[in-house]
């Protein structure tokens, strides 16, 4: 009897879990292993001359300030070919986290 009740309860919970998706809200930032928190904010981006794309399938990837452990170093922008026709590049950027700045790399979507 107890075993049947547990099986029914488990089945009902499993079925409810399949039918409904629940959002999980994280109130505290989740630390990411290898994340570097930089105390000083990044300097403004360098103004770059972009020019013409090598082809219609190329997208400009903007330059960025990279923290080398002691100071920020500018990495120039460049043209990159889209991985597929409708790909969109979301630029990398710095976010304020944990009392400092963290680099969030750019991604193709």
N, C-alpha and C. Protein backbone atom coordinates (compact mmCIF):
# COMPACT_ATOMS: atom_id res chain seq x y z
N UNK A 1 0.83 -1.19 0.00
CA UNK A 1 0.00 0.00 0.00
C UNK A 1 0.87 1.25 0.00
N UNK A 2 1.85 1.30 0.92
CA UNK A 2 2.74 2.46 1.01
C UNK A 2 3.55 2.62 -0.28
N UNK A 3 3.99 1.49 -0.84
CA UNK A 3 4.77 1.52 -2.08
C UNK A 3 3.92 2.05 -3.23
N UNK A 4 2.67 1.60 -3.34
CA UNK A 4 1.77 2.08 -4.39
C UNK A 4 1.52 3.58 -4.26
N UNK A 5 1.36 4.05 -3.04
CA UNK A 5 1.15 5.47 -2.80
C UNK A 5 2.37 6.27 -3.26
N UNK A 6 3.57 5.78 -2.95
CA UNK A 6 4.79 6.46 -3.38
C UNK A 6 4.92 6.47 -4.90
N UNK A 7 4.57 5.36 -5.54
CA UNK A 7 4.63 5.29 -7.00
C UNK A 7 3.65 6.28 -7.61
N UNK A 8 2.44 6.36 -7.08
CA UNK A 8 1.44 7.30 -7.59
C UNK A 8 1.90 8.74 -7.39
N UNK A 9 2.43 9.03 -6.22
CA UNK A 9 2.91 10.37 -5.91
C UNK A 9 4.05 10.75 -6.84
N UNK A 10 5.01 9.85 -7.03
CA UNK A 10 6.14 10.10 -7.91
C UNK A 10 5.66 10.32 -9.34
N UNK A 11 4.72 9.50 -9.80
CA UNK A 11 4.19 9.62 -11.16
C UNK A 11 3.49 10.97 -11.35
N UNK A 12 2.71 11.38 -10.36
CA UNK A 12 2.00 12.66 -10.45
C UNK A 12 2.99 13.82 -10.50
N UNK A 13 4.03 13.75 -9.67
CA UNK A 13 5.04 14.82 -9.66
C UNK A 13 5.80 14.85 -10.98
N UNK A 14 6.14 13.69 -11.50
CA UNK A 14 6.86 13.63 -12.77
C UNK A 14 6.01 14.18 -13.90
N UNK A 15 4.74 13.83 -13.93
CA UNK A 15 3.83 14.32 -14.97
C UNK A 15 3.65 15.83 -14.85
N UNK A 16 3.54 16.34 -13.64
CA UNK A 16 3.38 17.79 -13.44
C UNK A 16 4.64 18.51 -13.90
N UNK A 17 5.78 17.92 -13.66
CA UNK A 17 7.04 18.53 -14.07
C UNK A 17 7.18 18.59 -15.58
N UNK A 18 6.62 17.60 -16.28
CA UNK A 18 6.69 17.59 -17.74
C UNK A 18 5.74 18.61 -18.35
N UNK A 19 4.62 18.84 -17.70
CA UNK A 19 3.62 19.73 -18.26
C UNK A 19 3.88 21.19 -17.95
N UNK A 20 4.66 21.47 -16.95
CA UNK A 20 4.85 22.86 -16.52
C UNK A 20 6.33 23.19 -16.39
N UNK A 21 6.72 24.33 -16.92
CA UNK A 21 8.09 24.80 -16.77
C UNK A 21 8.08 25.96 -15.78
N UNK A 22 9.04 25.96 -14.89
CA UNK A 22 9.09 27.01 -13.88
C UNK A 22 10.38 27.80 -14.03
N UNK A 23 10.27 29.10 -13.86
CA UNK A 23 11.45 29.96 -13.91
C UNK A 23 12.12 29.96 -12.55
N UNK A 24 13.42 29.95 -12.56
CA UNK A 24 14.19 30.03 -11.33
C UNK A 24 14.78 31.42 -11.26
N UNK A 25 14.51 32.13 -10.21
CA UNK A 25 15.04 33.49 -10.03
C UNK A 25 16.20 33.43 -9.06
N UNK A 26 17.35 33.88 -9.53
CA UNK A 26 18.54 33.90 -8.69
C UNK A 26 18.71 35.34 -8.19
N UNK A 27 18.62 35.52 -6.90
CA UNK A 27 18.72 36.87 -6.35
C UNK A 27 20.17 37.31 -6.14
N UNK A 28 21.04 36.39 -5.92
CA UNK A 28 22.46 36.69 -5.73
C UNK A 28 23.22 36.27 -6.98
N UNK A 29 24.22 37.04 -7.41
CA UNK A 29 25.01 36.62 -8.57
C UNK A 29 25.68 35.28 -8.30
N UNK A 30 25.70 34.44 -9.30
CA UNK A 30 26.35 33.15 -9.19
C UNK A 30 27.79 33.31 -9.66
N UNK A 31 28.77 33.03 -8.79
CA UNK A 31 30.16 33.19 -9.22
C UNK A 31 30.51 32.20 -10.32
N UNK A 32 31.23 32.68 -11.30
CA UNK A 32 31.67 31.84 -12.40
C UNK A 32 33.15 31.57 -12.21
N UNK A 33 33.52 30.30 -12.30
CA UNK A 33 34.92 29.94 -12.12
C UNK A 33 35.75 30.61 -13.21
N UNK A 34 36.86 31.22 -12.82
CA UNK A 34 37.73 31.87 -13.77
C UNK A 34 37.35 33.31 -14.07
N UNK A 35 36.30 33.82 -13.46
CA UNK A 35 35.85 35.18 -13.69
C UNK A 35 36.82 36.15 -13.01
N UNK A 36 37.25 37.16 -13.75
CA UNK A 36 38.18 38.15 -13.21
C UNK A 36 37.41 39.41 -12.91
N UNK A 37 37.47 39.85 -11.66
CA UNK A 37 36.80 41.08 -11.25
C UNK A 37 37.87 42.16 -11.18
N UNK A 38 37.67 43.23 -11.95
CA UNK A 38 38.64 44.31 -12.07
C UNK A 38 38.13 45.50 -11.27
N UNK A 39 38.97 46.02 -10.38
CA UNK A 39 38.55 47.11 -9.50
C UNK A 39 38.32 48.42 -10.25
N UNK A 40 39.15 48.72 -11.23
CA UNK A 40 38.99 50.00 -11.93
C UNK A 40 38.16 49.83 -13.20
N UNK A 41 37.32 50.81 -13.51
CA UNK A 41 36.48 50.71 -14.70
C UNK A 41 37.31 50.79 -15.98
N UNK A 42 36.81 50.21 -17.07
CA UNK A 42 37.55 50.29 -18.32
C UNK A 42 37.54 51.71 -18.88
N UNK A 43 38.62 52.08 -19.58
CA UNK A 43 38.61 53.39 -20.24
C UNK A 43 37.65 53.37 -21.41
N UNK A 44 37.32 54.54 -21.95
CA UNK A 44 36.41 54.55 -23.10
C UNK A 44 37.03 53.84 -24.31
N UNK A 45 36.19 53.34 -25.22
CA UNK A 45 36.74 52.67 -26.40
C UNK A 45 37.50 53.67 -27.28
N UNK A 46 38.43 53.15 -28.03
CA UNK A 46 39.19 53.95 -28.98
C UNK A 46 38.34 54.09 -30.24
N UNK A 47 38.33 55.28 -30.82
CA UNK A 47 37.58 55.49 -32.06
C UNK A 47 38.38 54.87 -33.20
N UNK A 48 37.75 53.96 -33.93
CA UNK A 48 38.42 53.25 -35.01
C UNK A 48 37.81 53.61 -36.36
N UNK A 49 38.63 53.58 -37.41
CA UNK A 49 38.14 53.73 -38.77
C UNK A 49 37.76 52.34 -39.26
N UNK A 50 36.51 52.18 -39.62
CA UNK A 50 36.02 50.86 -39.96
C UNK A 50 36.29 50.51 -41.43
N UNK A 51 35.99 51.38 -42.35
CA UNK A 51 36.19 51.07 -43.76
C UNK A 51 35.09 50.19 -44.32
N UNK A 52 35.33 49.66 -45.51
CA UNK A 52 34.33 48.83 -46.19
C UNK A 52 34.52 47.36 -45.85
N UNK A 53 33.42 46.61 -45.74
CA UNK A 53 33.54 45.17 -45.46
C UNK A 53 34.12 44.43 -46.66
N UNK A 54 34.87 43.37 -46.41
CA UNK A 54 35.42 42.57 -47.51
C UNK A 54 34.33 41.92 -48.37
N UNK A 55 33.17 41.65 -47.77
CA UNK A 55 32.04 41.06 -48.51
C UNK A 55 30.76 41.34 -47.72
N UNK A 56 29.60 41.14 -48.34
CA UNK A 56 28.34 41.34 -47.62
C UNK A 56 28.15 40.39 -46.44
N UNK A 57 28.89 39.29 -46.40
CA UNK A 57 28.73 38.32 -45.30
C UNK A 57 29.65 38.64 -44.12
N UNK A 58 30.37 39.75 -44.18
CA UNK A 58 31.25 40.14 -43.08
C UNK A 58 30.58 41.15 -42.15
N UNK A 59 30.92 41.07 -40.87
CA UNK A 59 30.39 41.95 -39.83
C UNK A 59 31.57 42.55 -39.08
N UNK A 60 31.47 43.83 -38.73
CA UNK A 60 32.53 44.48 -37.96
C UNK A 60 32.43 44.07 -36.49
N UNK A 61 33.52 43.56 -35.94
CA UNK A 61 33.62 43.24 -34.52
C UNK A 61 34.43 44.36 -33.89
N UNK A 62 33.80 45.15 -33.06
CA UNK A 62 34.45 46.32 -32.47
C UNK A 62 35.62 45.95 -31.58
N UNK A 63 36.59 46.85 -31.51
CA UNK A 63 37.71 46.66 -30.61
C UNK A 63 37.25 46.78 -29.16
N UNK A 64 38.12 46.39 -28.25
CA UNK A 64 37.76 46.43 -26.82
C UNK A 64 39.00 46.60 -25.96
N UNK A 65 38.79 47.04 -24.74
CA UNK A 65 39.85 47.18 -23.75
C UNK A 65 39.96 45.87 -22.99
N UNK A 66 41.14 45.25 -23.03
CA UNK A 66 41.35 43.99 -22.30
C UNK A 66 42.24 44.25 -21.10
N UNK A 67 41.86 43.68 -19.97
CA UNK A 67 42.65 43.78 -18.74
C UNK A 67 43.76 42.73 -18.79
N UNK A 68 45.03 43.15 -18.68
CA UNK A 68 46.13 42.19 -18.75
C UNK A 68 46.69 41.82 -17.37
N UNK A 69 45.98 42.21 -16.33
CA UNK A 69 46.43 41.92 -14.97
C UNK A 69 47.02 43.14 -14.28
N UNK A 70 47.43 44.13 -15.08
CA UNK A 70 48.00 45.36 -14.53
C UNK A 70 47.32 46.60 -15.08
N UNK A 71 46.92 46.53 -16.34
CA UNK A 71 46.29 47.68 -16.99
C UNK A 71 45.45 47.21 -18.17
N UNK A 72 44.68 48.14 -18.71
CA UNK A 72 43.88 47.85 -19.90
C UNK A 72 44.74 48.03 -21.15
N UNK A 73 44.54 47.13 -22.12
CA UNK A 73 45.24 47.18 -23.39
C UNK A 73 44.19 47.12 -24.50
N UNK A 74 44.30 48.01 -25.48
CA UNK A 74 43.32 48.06 -26.58
C UNK A 74 43.58 46.96 -27.59
N UNK A 75 42.51 46.23 -27.95
CA UNK A 75 42.54 45.24 -29.04
C UNK A 75 41.71 45.80 -30.17
N UNK A 76 42.33 45.95 -31.33
CA UNK A 76 41.66 46.54 -32.48
C UNK A 76 40.48 45.70 -32.94
N UNK A 77 39.51 46.38 -33.56
CA UNK A 77 38.38 45.69 -34.16
C UNK A 77 38.79 45.02 -35.46
N UNK A 78 37.92 44.19 -35.99
CA UNK A 78 38.23 43.46 -37.23
C UNK A 78 36.95 43.00 -37.91
N UNK A 79 37.08 42.66 -39.19
CA UNK A 79 35.96 42.10 -39.94
C UNK A 79 35.93 40.59 -39.75
N UNK A 80 34.75 40.05 -39.51
CA UNK A 80 34.59 38.60 -39.34
C UNK A 80 33.44 38.13 -40.22
N UNK A 81 33.60 36.96 -40.78
CA UNK A 81 32.54 36.37 -41.60
C UNK A 81 31.48 35.75 -40.69
N UNK A 82 30.22 36.00 -41.03
CA UNK A 82 29.12 35.41 -40.24
C UNK A 82 29.18 33.89 -40.32
N UNK A 83 28.92 33.21 -39.19
CA UNK A 83 28.92 31.74 -39.22
C UNK A 83 27.76 31.17 -40.05
N UNK A 84 26.66 31.93 -40.17
CA UNK A 84 25.56 31.56 -41.06
C UNK A 84 24.85 32.84 -41.48
N UNK A 85 24.02 32.76 -42.49
CA UNK A 85 23.46 33.93 -43.16
C UNK A 85 22.75 34.93 -42.23
N UNK A 86 22.00 34.43 -41.26
CA UNK A 86 21.23 35.34 -40.39
C UNK A 86 21.88 35.58 -39.04
N UNK A 87 23.13 35.19 -38.90
CA UNK A 87 23.82 35.36 -37.62
C UNK A 87 23.97 36.84 -37.27
N UNK A 88 23.80 37.14 -36.00
CA UNK A 88 23.96 38.50 -35.47
C UNK A 88 25.02 38.44 -34.38
N UNK A 89 25.93 39.40 -34.39
CA UNK A 89 26.97 39.43 -33.37
C UNK A 89 26.56 40.36 -32.24
N UNK A 90 26.59 39.86 -31.02
CA UNK A 90 26.32 40.68 -29.83
C UNK A 90 27.68 41.05 -29.25
N UNK A 91 27.97 42.34 -29.24
CA UNK A 91 29.29 42.84 -28.83
C UNK A 91 29.64 42.45 -27.40
N UNK A 92 30.92 42.21 -27.17
CA UNK A 92 31.41 42.01 -25.82
C UNK A 92 31.33 43.34 -25.06
N UNK A 93 31.25 43.25 -23.75
CA UNK A 93 31.13 44.48 -22.95
C UNK A 93 31.52 44.18 -21.49
N UNK A 94 31.75 45.24 -20.76
CA UNK A 94 32.02 45.12 -19.33
C UNK A 94 30.73 45.33 -18.56
N UNK A 95 30.55 44.52 -17.51
CA UNK A 95 29.41 44.66 -16.60
C UNK A 95 29.92 44.90 -15.20
N UNK A 96 29.19 45.69 -14.47
CA UNK A 96 29.53 45.94 -13.07
C UNK A 96 29.00 44.77 -12.25
N UNK A 97 29.91 44.06 -11.55
CA UNK A 97 29.53 42.91 -10.72
C UNK A 97 30.44 42.83 -9.51
N UNK A 98 29.89 42.43 -8.40
CA UNK A 98 30.67 42.15 -7.18
C UNK A 98 31.60 43.32 -6.80
N UNK A 99 31.17 44.54 -7.01
CA UNK A 99 31.98 45.69 -6.65
C UNK A 99 33.12 45.97 -7.63
N UNK A 100 33.07 45.41 -8.82
CA UNK A 100 34.11 45.65 -9.82
C UNK A 100 33.54 45.49 -11.22
N UNK A 101 34.42 45.27 -12.17
CA UNK A 101 34.03 45.14 -13.57
C UNK A 101 34.44 43.76 -14.09
N UNK A 102 33.55 43.15 -14.89
CA UNK A 102 33.78 41.82 -15.44
C UNK A 102 33.55 41.89 -16.94
N UNK A 103 34.47 41.31 -17.71
CA UNK A 103 34.33 41.26 -19.17
C UNK A 103 33.37 40.15 -19.57
N UNK A 104 32.39 40.50 -20.41
CA UNK A 104 31.46 39.53 -20.97
C UNK A 104 31.78 39.45 -22.46
N UNK A 105 32.35 38.33 -22.91
CA UNK A 105 32.75 38.23 -24.32
C UNK A 105 31.59 38.32 -25.29
N UNK A 106 31.87 38.78 -26.50
CA UNK A 106 30.86 38.82 -27.55
C UNK A 106 30.50 37.42 -28.02
N UNK A 107 29.28 37.27 -28.56
CA UNK A 107 28.81 35.97 -29.03
C UNK A 107 28.02 36.13 -30.33
N UNK A 108 28.03 35.08 -31.12
CA UNK A 108 27.19 35.02 -32.32
C UNK A 108 25.85 34.42 -31.94
N UNK A 109 24.79 35.00 -32.46
CA UNK A 109 23.44 34.46 -32.22
C UNK A 109 22.72 34.31 -33.52
